Amino acid sequence: MKTKKMHNFHVPLPDDIYTKLRDEALRNNQPATELARYAIKLWLRAREKATLHKALSEFATEYAGTDLDLDENLEALSIEYLLDQEGEEG
């Protein structure tokens, strides 16, 4: 199994955040660095989703009503499919 190359990144933390991170690490019996790495990973994933959502929203707004807009037949079939799926689950 190949291990990922790690880099050190010094992050000064205010006392309150440092204390909360340390306390959480102790409660979970995990190194604070692992918790910090996980929190950063989640935040980056959320930023990626927000960036993608913004780009898609801008595209949809810019091209609404043009040839690049969603095909009406495809939209109708998609809605029908989703409603059918919802009916099967309920």
C-alpha atoms as a PDB file:
ATOM      1  CA  MET A   1       0.000   0.000   0.000  1.00  0.00           C
ATOM      2  CA  LYS A   2       1.397   3.346  -1.076  1.00  0.00           C
ATOM      3  CA  THR A   3       1.398   6.043   1.598  1.00  0.00           C
ATOM      4  CA  LYS A   4       0.528   9.618   0.733  1.00  0.00           C
ATOM      5  CA  LYS A   5       3.265  12.199   0.949  1.00  0.00           C
ATOM      6  CA  MET A   6       2.560  14.490   3.890  1.00  0.00           C
ATOM      7  CA  HIS A   7       3.498  18.128   4.287  1.00  0.00           C
ATOM      8  CA  ASN A   8       3.727  20.108   7.488  1.00  0.00           C
ATOM      9  CA  PHE A   9       1.629  23.249   7.681  1.00  0.00           C
ATOM     10  CA  HIS A  10       1.943  25.443  10.747  1.00  0.00           C
ATOM     11  CA  VAL A  11      -1.443  26.886  11.744  1.00  0.00           C
ATOM     12  CA  PRO A  12      -1.440  29.242  14.715  1.00  0.00           C
ATOM     13  CA  LEU A  13      -4.746  28.876  16.579  1.00  0.00           C
ATOM     14  CA  PRO A  14      -6.433  31.217  19.033  1.00  0.00           C
ATOM     15  CA  ASP A  15      -6.522  29.815  22.569  1.00  0.00           C
ATOM     16  CA  ASP A  16     -10.233  28.959  22.486  1.00  0.00           C
ATOM     17  CA  ILE A  17      -9.999  26.971  19.247  1.00  0.00           C
ATOM     18  CA  TYR A  18      -6.795  25.255  20.361  1.00  0.00           C
ATOM     19  CA  THR A  19      -8.420  24.241  23.652  1.00  0.00           C
ATOM     20  CA  LYS A  20     -11.568  22.910  21.947  1.00  0.00           C
ATOM     21  CA  LEU A  21      -9.491  20.935  19.439  1.00  0.00           C
ATOM     22  CA  ARG A  22      -7.257  19.487  22.163  1.00  0.00           C
ATOM     23  CA  ASP A  23     -10.256  18.586  24.338  1.00  0.00           C
ATOM     24  CA  GLU A  24     -12.032  16.906  21.427  1.00  0.00           C
ATOM     25  CA  ALA A  25      -8.874  14.965  20.591  1.00  0.00           C
ATOM     26  CA  LEU A  26      -8.613  13.750  24.176  1.00  0.00           C
ATOM     27  CA  ARG A  27     -12.296  12.758  24.291  1.00  0.00           C
ATOM     28  CA  ASN A  28     -11.913  10.747  21.088  1.00  0.00           C
ATOM     29  CA  ASN A  29      -8.459   9.393  21.900  1.00  0.00           C
ATOM     30  CA  GLN A  30      -7.124  10.726  18.582  1.00  0.00           C
ATOM     31  CA  PRO A  31      -4.274  13.070  17.775  1.00  0.00           C
ATOM     32  CA  ALA A  32      -5.392  16.679  17.360  1.00  0.00           C
ATOM     33  CA  THR A  33      -3.589  16.758  14.007  1.00  0.00           C
ATOM     34  CA  GLU A  34      -5.886  14.009  12.685  1.00  0.00           C
ATOM     35  CA  LEU A  35      -8.969  15.922  13.778  1.00  0.00           C
ATOM     36  CA  ALA A  36      -7.636  19.135  12.247  1.00  0.00           C
ATOM     37  CA  ARG A  37      -6.809  17.328   8.991  1.00  0.00           C
ATOM     38  CA  TYR A  38     -10.328  15.870   8.881  1.00  0.00           C
ATOM     39  CA  ALA A  39     -11.936  19.263   9.556  1.00  0.00           C
ATOM     40  CA  ILE A  40      -9.866  20.898   6.816  1.00  0.00           C
ATOM     41  CA  LYS A  41     -10.764  18.110   4.383  1.00  0.00           C
ATOM     42  CA  LEU A  42     -14.489  18.587   5.116  1.00  0.00           C
ATOM     43  CA  TRP A  43     -14.217  22.357   4.712  1.00  0.00           C
ATOM     44  CA  LEU A  44     -12.383  22.002   1.379  1.00  0.00           C
ATOM     45  CA  ARG A  45     -15.016  19.540   0.137  1.00  0.00           C
ATOM     46  CA  ALA A  46     -17.766  22.002   1.107  1.00  0.00           C
ATOM     47  CA  ARG A  47     -15.951  24.807  -0.740  1.00  0.00           C
ATOM     48  CA  GLU A  48     -15.621  22.626  -3.850  1.00  0.00           C
ATOM     49  CA  LYS A  49     -19.368  21.905  -3.754  1.00  0.00           C
ATOM     50  CA  ALA A  50     -20.184  25.586  -3.264  1.00  0.00           C
ATOM     51  CA  THR A  51     -17.912  26.562  -6.164  1.00  0.00           C
ATOM     52  CA  LEU A  52     -19.509  23.970  -8.441  1.00  0.00           C
ATOM     53  CA  HIS A  53     -23.013  25.025  -7.381  1.00  0.00           C
ATOM     54  CA  LYS A  54     -22.191  28.672  -8.125  1.00  0.00           C
ATOM     55  CA  ALA A  55     -20.760  27.809 -11.555  1.00  0.00           C
ATOM     56  CA  LEU A  56     -23.798  25.686 -12.446  1.00  0.00           C
ATOM     57  CA  SER A  57     -26.174  28.377 -11.215  1.00  0.00           C
ATOM     58  CA  GLU A  58     -24.394  31.053 -13.259  1.00  0.00           C
ATOM     59  CA  PHE A  59     -24.470  28.813 -16.351  1.00  0.00           C
ATOM     60  CA  ALA A  60     -28.169  28.054 -15.889  1.00  0.00           C
ATOM     61  CA  THR A  61     -28.984  31.741 -15.454  1.00  0.00           C
ATOM     62  CA  GLU A  62     -26.910  32.797 -18.457  1.00  0.00           C
ATOM     63  CA  TYR A  63     -28.263  30.150 -20.821  1.00  0.00           C
ATOM     64  CA  ALA A  64     -31.874  29.900 -19.629  1.00  0.00           C
ATOM     65  CA  GLY A  65     -34.238  29.894 -22.595  1.00  0.00           C
ATOM     66  CA  THR A  66     -31.478  29.255 -25.142  1.00  0.00           C
ATOM     67  CA  ASP A  67     -30.565  26.135 -27.093  1.00  0.00           C
ATOM     68  CA  LEU A  68     -28.305  25.164 -24.187  1.00  0.00           C
ATOM     69  CA  ASP A  69     -31.224  25.148 -21.744  1.00  0.00           C
ATOM     70  CA  LEU A  70     -32.565  21.808 -20.505  1.00  0.00           C
ATOM     71  CA  ASP A  71     -34.522  19.907 -23.117  1.00  0.00           C
ATOM     72  CA  GLU A  72     -38.231  20.115 -22.200  1.00  0.00           C
ATOM     73  CA  ASN A  73     -38.893  16.435 -23.003  1.00  0.00           C
ATOM     74  CA  LEU A  74     -35.937  15.332 -20.915  1.00  0.00           C
ATOM     75  CA  GLU A  75     -37.085  17.556 -18.060  1.00  0.00           C
ATOM     76  CA  ALA A  76     -40.616  16.115 -18.182  1.00  0.00           C
ATOM     77  CA  LEU A  77     -39.303  12.535 -18.234  1.00  0.00           C
ATOM     78  CA  SER A  78     -36.960  13.290 -15.328  1.00  0.00           C
ATOM     79  CA  ILE A  79     -39.786  14.686 -13.227  1.00  0.00           C
ATOM     80  CA  GLU A  80     -41.965  11.701 -14.063  1.00  0.00           C
ATOM     81  CA  TYR A  81     -39.165   9.320 -13.128  1.00  0.00           C
ATOM     82  CA  LEU A  82     -38.528  11.061  -9.793  1.00  0.00           C
ATOM     83  CA  LEU A  83     -42.224  11.040  -8.939  1.00  0.00           C
ATOM     84  CA  ASP A  84     -42.390   7.321  -9.778  1.00  0.00           C
ATOM     85  CA  GLN A  85     -39.387   6.664  -7.521  1.00  0.00           C
ATOM     86  CA  GLU A  86     -40.982   8.630  -4.714  1.00  0.00           C
ATOM     87  CA  GLY A  87     -44.209   6.603  -5.104  1.00  0.00           C
ATOM     88  CA  GLU A  88     -42.309   3.318  -4.882  1.00  0.00           C
ATOM     89  CA  GLU A  89     -40.570   4.389  -1.660  1.00  0.00           C
ATOM     90  CA  GLY A  90     -43.768   5.592   0.045  1.00  0.00           C
END
